[in-house]
């Protein structure tokens, strides 16, 4: 039986922060579009290549754990980075919760 449903990316404009898991480098960009399985983000051309890296991206109310699967140079001095979503592992979730949890002693964010 042939699958009739397709998952398309939709336009979605938002500021974003990409965190490279290997070295915790932060890269600021702008989301172009997204789907449940991936996302495209525009970053400055001088941003070091992150192709093949696993990253965590935060944009508005979204957070995605992803692989960087493609980078395309644009004519306007930017680069488009294509992301493919990954399932969160227990280690990644634990790291996130440890770093966004409230400090129990004073009730502030860490």
N, C-alpha and C. Protein backbone atom coordinates (compact mmCIF):
# COMPACT_ATOMS: atom_id res chain seq x y z
N UNK A 1 0.85 -1.18 0.00
CA UNK A 1 0.00 0.00 0.00
C UNK A 1 0.89 1.24 0.00
N UNK A 2 0.58 2.19 -0.82
CA UNK A 2 1.36 3.42 -0.92
C UNK A 2 0.91 4.44 0.13
N UNK A 3 1.88 5.03 0.78
CA UNK A 3 1.60 6.06 1.78
C UNK A 3 1.14 7.32 1.05
N UNK A 4 -0.01 7.87 1.44
CA UNK A 4 -0.55 9.06 0.77
C UNK A 4 -0.24 10.35 1.51
N UNK A 5 0.12 10.25 2.76
CA UNK A 5 0.42 11.46 3.52
C UNK A 5 1.85 11.90 3.24
N UNK A 6 2.06 13.20 3.24
CA UNK A 6 3.39 13.76 3.09
C UNK A 6 3.59 14.80 4.17
N UNK A 7 4.83 14.94 4.58
CA UNK A 7 5.14 15.95 5.58
C UNK A 7 5.92 17.05 4.89
N UNK A 8 5.33 18.22 4.82
CA UNK A 8 5.95 19.36 4.17
C UNK A 8 6.48 20.33 5.22
N UNK A 9 7.49 21.07 4.83
CA UNK A 9 7.95 22.15 5.69
C UNK A 9 7.06 23.36 5.44
N UNK A 10 6.82 24.11 6.48
CA UNK A 10 6.01 25.33 6.38
C UNK A 10 6.86 26.52 6.79
N UNK A 11 6.58 27.68 6.21
CA UNK A 11 7.30 28.89 6.60
C UNK A 11 7.10 29.14 8.08
N UNK A 12 8.17 29.49 8.74
CA UNK A 12 8.12 29.80 10.16
C UNK A 12 9.31 30.72 10.43
N UNK A 13 9.06 31.95 10.76
CA UNK A 13 10.12 32.93 10.97
C UNK A 13 10.30 33.17 12.46
N UNK A 14 11.51 32.92 12.96
CA UNK A 14 11.79 33.13 14.37
C UNK A 14 13.30 33.21 14.58
N UNK A 15 13.70 33.97 15.58
CA UNK A 15 15.10 33.97 15.99
C UNK A 15 15.39 32.63 16.64
N UNK A 16 16.66 32.19 16.54
CA UNK A 16 17.00 30.89 17.10
C UNK A 16 18.42 30.89 17.66
N UNK A 17 18.66 29.93 18.53
CA UNK A 17 20.00 29.67 19.04
C UNK A 17 20.29 28.20 18.81
N UNK A 18 21.40 27.94 18.12
CA UNK A 18 21.86 26.57 17.88
C UNK A 18 22.99 26.32 18.87
N UNK A 19 22.92 25.21 19.59
CA UNK A 19 23.99 24.81 20.50
C UNK A 19 24.59 23.53 19.95
N UNK A 20 25.89 23.57 19.63
CA UNK A 20 26.59 22.39 19.13
C UNK A 20 26.89 21.51 20.33
N UNK A 21 26.38 20.29 20.32
CA UNK A 21 26.49 19.42 21.49
C UNK A 21 27.94 19.10 21.86
N UNK A 22 28.79 18.95 20.89
CA UNK A 22 30.17 18.52 21.14
C UNK A 22 30.99 19.54 21.94
N UNK A 23 30.76 20.84 21.70
CA UNK A 23 31.58 21.85 22.38
C UNK A 23 30.77 22.98 23.03
N UNK A 24 29.44 22.87 22.97
CA UNK A 24 28.50 23.84 23.54
C UNK A 24 28.62 25.24 22.92
N UNK A 25 29.19 25.33 21.71
CA UNK A 25 29.25 26.60 20.98
C UNK A 25 27.83 27.04 20.66
N UNK A 26 27.57 28.34 20.79
CA UNK A 26 26.25 28.91 20.47
C UNK A 26 26.34 29.66 19.16
N UNK A 27 25.35 29.42 18.29
CA UNK A 27 25.26 30.08 16.99
C UNK A 27 23.87 30.68 16.89
N UNK A 28 23.80 31.97 16.59
CA UNK A 28 22.52 32.65 16.48
C UNK A 28 22.09 32.69 15.02
N UNK A 29 20.82 32.41 14.78
CA UNK A 29 20.31 32.38 13.41
C UNK A 29 18.84 32.73 13.36
N UNK A 30 18.27 32.53 12.19
CA UNK A 30 16.85 32.79 11.98
C UNK A 30 16.23 31.57 11.30
N UNK A 31 15.17 31.04 11.88
CA UNK A 31 14.47 29.91 11.29
C UNK A 31 13.76 30.37 10.02
N UNK A 32 13.87 29.57 8.96
CA UNK A 32 13.18 29.84 7.70
C UNK A 32 11.89 29.03 7.60
N UNK A 33 12.02 27.73 7.87
CA UNK A 33 10.86 26.85 7.79
C UNK A 33 11.09 25.63 8.68
N UNK A 34 10.00 24.88 8.91
CA UNK A 34 10.12 23.70 9.75
C UNK A 34 9.05 22.68 9.42
N UNK A 35 9.30 21.47 9.90
CA UNK A 35 8.35 20.37 9.84
C UNK A 35 8.57 19.55 11.10
N UNK A 36 7.73 18.55 11.34
CA UNK A 36 7.99 17.70 12.51
C UNK A 36 9.31 16.94 12.41
N UNK A 37 9.86 16.83 11.20
CA UNK A 37 11.08 16.05 11.00
C UNK A 37 12.32 16.87 10.75
N UNK A 38 12.20 18.18 10.67
CA UNK A 38 13.38 18.98 10.38
C UNK A 38 13.11 20.46 10.36
N UNK A 39 14.17 21.21 10.02
CA UNK A 39 14.09 22.66 10.06
C UNK A 39 15.18 23.22 9.17
N UNK A 40 14.96 24.41 8.62
CA UNK A 40 16.01 25.15 7.90
C UNK A 40 16.24 26.46 8.62
N UNK A 41 17.53 26.79 8.82
CA UNK A 41 17.91 27.97 9.58
C UNK A 41 18.94 28.75 8.77
N UNK A 42 18.83 30.08 8.80
CA UNK A 42 19.82 30.95 8.15
C UNK A 42 20.79 31.44 9.20
N UNK A 43 22.09 31.29 8.91
CA UNK A 43 23.15 31.76 9.80
C UNK A 43 24.10 32.65 8.99
N UNK A 44 24.89 33.50 9.64
CA UNK A 44 25.87 34.31 8.91
C UNK A 44 26.87 33.42 8.18
N UNK A 45 27.33 33.86 7.02
CA UNK A 45 28.25 33.07 6.20
C UNK A 45 29.55 32.76 6.92
N UNK A 46 29.99 33.64 7.82
CA UNK A 46 31.26 33.41 8.51
C UNK A 46 31.15 32.41 9.66
N UNK A 47 29.97 31.91 9.93
CA UNK A 47 29.78 30.90 10.96
C UNK A 47 30.54 29.63 10.56
N UNK A 48 31.33 29.06 11.47
CA UNK A 48 32.04 27.82 11.14
C UNK A 48 31.06 26.71 10.73
N UNK A 49 31.50 25.84 9.85
CA UNK A 49 30.65 24.74 9.39
C UNK A 49 30.27 23.84 10.56
N UNK A 50 29.02 23.45 10.60
CA UNK A 50 28.54 22.50 11.61
C UNK A 50 27.96 21.25 10.94
N UNK A 51 28.27 21.08 9.66
CA UNK A 51 27.78 19.94 8.89
C UNK A 51 28.19 18.64 9.57
N UNK A 52 27.24 17.74 9.75
CA UNK A 52 27.50 16.45 10.37
C UNK A 52 27.48 16.46 11.88
N UNK A 53 27.28 17.62 12.48
CA UNK A 53 27.26 17.73 13.95
C UNK A 53 25.84 17.48 14.47
N UNK A 54 25.76 17.05 15.73
CA UNK A 54 24.45 17.02 16.35
C UNK A 54 24.32 18.28 17.21
N UNK A 55 23.14 18.84 17.16
CA UNK A 55 22.89 20.14 17.77
C UNK A 55 21.56 20.12 18.51
N UNK A 56 21.38 21.13 19.33
CA UNK A 56 20.07 21.41 19.92
C UNK A 56 19.74 22.83 19.48
N UNK A 57 18.55 23.03 18.96
CA UNK A 57 18.13 24.36 18.52
C UNK A 57 16.90 24.78 19.30
N UNK A 58 16.90 26.04 19.71
CA UNK A 58 15.77 26.63 20.42
C UNK A 58 15.28 27.82 19.61
N UNK A 59 13.98 27.86 19.35
CA UNK A 59 13.37 28.95 18.59
C UNK A 59 11.96 29.18 19.13
N UNK A 60 11.72 30.38 19.63
CA UNK A 60 10.41 30.68 20.24
C UNK A 60 10.06 29.63 21.27
N UNK A 61 9.00 28.87 21.02
CA UNK A 61 8.57 27.85 21.98
C UNK A 61 9.00 26.45 21.54
N UNK A 62 9.89 26.36 20.56
CA UNK A 62 10.31 25.07 20.03
C UNK A 62 11.71 24.71 20.50
N UNK A 63 11.93 23.42 20.71
CA UNK A 63 13.27 22.91 20.97
C UNK A 63 13.41 21.61 20.19
N UNK A 64 14.51 21.47 19.45
CA UNK A 64 14.71 20.29 18.62
C UNK A 64 16.14 19.80 18.78
N UNK A 65 16.28 18.52 18.92
CA UNK A 65 17.58 17.85 18.89
C UNK A 65 17.73 17.38 17.45
N UNK A 66 18.84 17.68 16.79
CA UNK A 66 18.91 17.42 15.35
C UNK A 66 20.33 17.17 14.88
N UNK A 67 20.43 16.60 13.68
CA UNK A 67 21.68 16.47 12.94
C UNK A 67 21.70 17.54 11.87
N UNK A 68 22.86 18.11 11.60
CA UNK A 68 23.01 19.06 10.50
C UNK A 68 23.33 18.23 9.26
N UNK A 69 22.41 18.24 8.29
CA UNK A 69 22.55 17.37 7.12
C UNK A 69 22.97 18.09 5.85
N UNK A 70 22.86 19.41 5.82
CA UNK A 70 23.24 20.15 4.61
C UNK A 70 23.49 21.61 4.94
N UNK A 71 24.42 22.22 4.23
CA UNK A 71 24.67 23.66 4.34
C UNK A 71 24.76 24.21 2.92
N UNK A 72 24.02 25.26 2.64
CA UNK A 72 24.02 25.89 1.32
C UNK A 72 24.37 27.35 1.44
N UNK A 73 25.38 27.80 0.68
CA UNK A 73 25.73 29.22 0.65
C UNK A 73 24.64 29.99 -0.09
N UNK A 74 24.30 31.16 0.40
CA UNK A 74 23.30 32.02 -0.23
C UNK A 74 24.00 33.24 -0.84
N UNK A 75 23.36 33.88 -1.79
CA UNK A 75 23.93 35.05 -2.46
C UNK A 75 23.97 36.30 -1.58
N UNK A 76 23.21 36.30 -0.49
CA UNK A 76 23.12 37.51 0.35
C UNK A 76 24.10 37.52 1.52
N UNK A 77 25.13 36.66 1.49
CA UNK A 77 26.11 36.64 2.56
C UNK A 77 25.70 35.80 3.76
N UNK A 78 24.74 34.94 3.58
CA UNK A 78 24.31 34.04 4.65
C UNK A 78 24.46 32.60 4.17
N UNK A 79 24.21 31.67 5.07
CA UNK A 79 24.23 30.25 4.73
C UNK A 79 22.98 29.61 5.31
N UNK A 80 22.35 28.74 4.56
CA UNK A 80 21.19 28.00 5.05
C UNK A 80 21.66 26.64 5.54
N UNK A 81 21.25 26.31 6.74
CA UNK A 81 21.61 25.04 7.38
C UNK A 81 20.35 24.20 7.47
N UNK A 82 20.40 22.96 6.95
CA UNK A 82 19.25 22.05 7.00
C UNK A 82 19.45 21.07 8.15
N UNK A 83 18.42 20.93 8.96
CA UNK A 83 18.47 20.07 10.15
C UNK A 83 17.49 18.92 10.02
N UNK A 84 17.90 17.76 10.49
CA UNK A 84 17.04 16.59 10.52
C UNK A 84 16.85 16.20 11.99
N UNK A 85 15.60 16.15 12.42
CA UNK A 85 15.28 15.91 13.83
C UNK A 85 15.77 14.54 14.30
N UNK A 86 16.21 14.50 15.56
CA UNK A 86 16.60 13.26 16.22
C UNK A 86 15.73 13.08 17.46
N UNK A 87 15.55 11.85 17.85
CA UNK A 87 14.82 11.58 19.09
C UNK A 87 15.73 11.92 20.26
N UNK A 88 15.19 12.62 21.26
CA UNK A 88 15.96 12.94 22.45
C UNK A 88 16.37 11.66 23.17
N UNK A 89 17.62 11.61 23.60
CA UNK A 89 18.09 10.50 24.42
C UNK A 89 17.92 10.89 25.88
N UNK A 90 17.96 9.93 26.76
CA UNK A 90 17.86 10.21 28.18
C UNK A 90 18.96 11.14 28.66
N UNK A 91 20.18 10.96 28.15
CA UNK A 91 21.30 11.82 28.54
C UNK A 91 21.06 13.28 28.15
N UNK A 92 20.55 13.49 26.94
CA UNK A 92 20.30 14.86 26.47
C UNK A 92 19.20 15.50 27.31
N UNK A 93 18.13 14.78 27.54
CA UNK A 93 17.04 15.32 28.36
C UNK A 93 17.51 15.63 29.78
N UNK A 94 18.32 14.74 30.35
CA UNK A 94 18.84 14.99 31.69
C UNK A 94 19.69 16.25 31.72
N UNK A 95 20.55 16.42 30.71
CA UNK A 95 21.37 17.63 30.63
C UNK A 95 20.49 18.88 30.56
N UNK A 96 19.49 18.85 29.70
CA UNK A 96 18.60 20.01 29.55
C UNK A 96 17.88 20.32 30.86
N UNK A 97 17.34 19.31 31.50
CA UNK A 97 16.61 19.54 32.74
C UNK A 97 17.52 20.06 33.84
N UNK A 98 18.75 19.57 33.89
CA UNK A 98 19.70 20.06 34.90
C UNK A 98 20.03 21.53 34.69
N UNK A 99 20.08 21.97 33.44
CA UNK A 99 20.50 23.34 33.15
C UNK A 99 19.36 24.34 33.04
N UNK A 100 18.12 23.86 33.06
CA UNK A 100 16.99 24.80 33.03
C UNK A 100 16.13 24.70 34.28
N UNK A 101 16.52 23.80 35.18
CA UNK A 101 15.71 23.60 36.40
C UNK A 101 15.86 24.78 37.34
N UNK A 102 14.88 24.95 38.21
CA UNK A 102 14.96 25.98 39.24
C UNK A 102 15.89 25.53 40.36
N UNK A 103 16.65 26.48 40.86
CA UNK A 103 17.50 26.22 42.01
C UNK A 103 16.59 26.09 43.22
N UNK A 104 16.59 24.95 43.87
CA UNK A 104 15.66 24.69 44.96
C UNK A 104 15.88 25.61 46.15
N UNK A 105 17.10 26.07 46.37
CA UNK A 105 17.38 26.90 47.53
C UNK A 105 16.79 28.31 47.42
N UNK A 106 16.94 28.96 46.26
CA UNK A 106 16.46 30.34 46.16
C UNK A 106 15.35 30.54 45.14
N UNK A 107 14.93 29.46 44.45
CA UNK A 107 13.81 29.57 43.52
C UNK A 107 14.13 30.28 42.20
N UNK A 108 15.41 30.58 41.95
CA UNK A 108 15.77 31.24 40.69
C UNK A 108 16.24 30.24 39.66
N UNK A 109 16.25 30.68 38.41
CA UNK A 109 16.76 29.83 37.34
C UNK A 109 18.27 29.79 37.42
N UNK A 110 18.81 28.62 37.07
CA UNK A 110 20.26 28.46 37.08
C UNK A 110 20.88 29.11 35.88
